[in-house]
């Protein structure tokens, strides 16, 4: 199984940038789609984006499209979420997750993912 561990969260001003990292250990990293989700206080967890197991295809929520970029490094078993032009509404706990069903595209719902990290807090001040 893959165990994701997120890092890189913090406090940033609106308009700023932050890069989250996700270290995936304990399994076959290249055999999993990797996704990012977020959950703000009082709100349901929502899909942010995902990258396919082969790294060719990425998917994004409309709310972050054009501002966020997902990438993966197979040599380091890492996934990254580069967040630019951050807005206060991006404030949330961000989670990295692994989806082992590579016969289909990456899921856009949490139930599609087998393994989850503990989350990292991102706070965007106005």
Foldseek 3Di string as FASTA:
>chain_A
DWAWAKDWADEAAAQAKTKMKIAIDDDQLLQWKKFKWWDDPPGDIFGAKIAASNRPDIDGDPVQPPFWDWGADNVRNMIMIIGGRDDQVVWTWMKMFIANPRVDGDDGDPVRTDYIYPTDTHGYHD
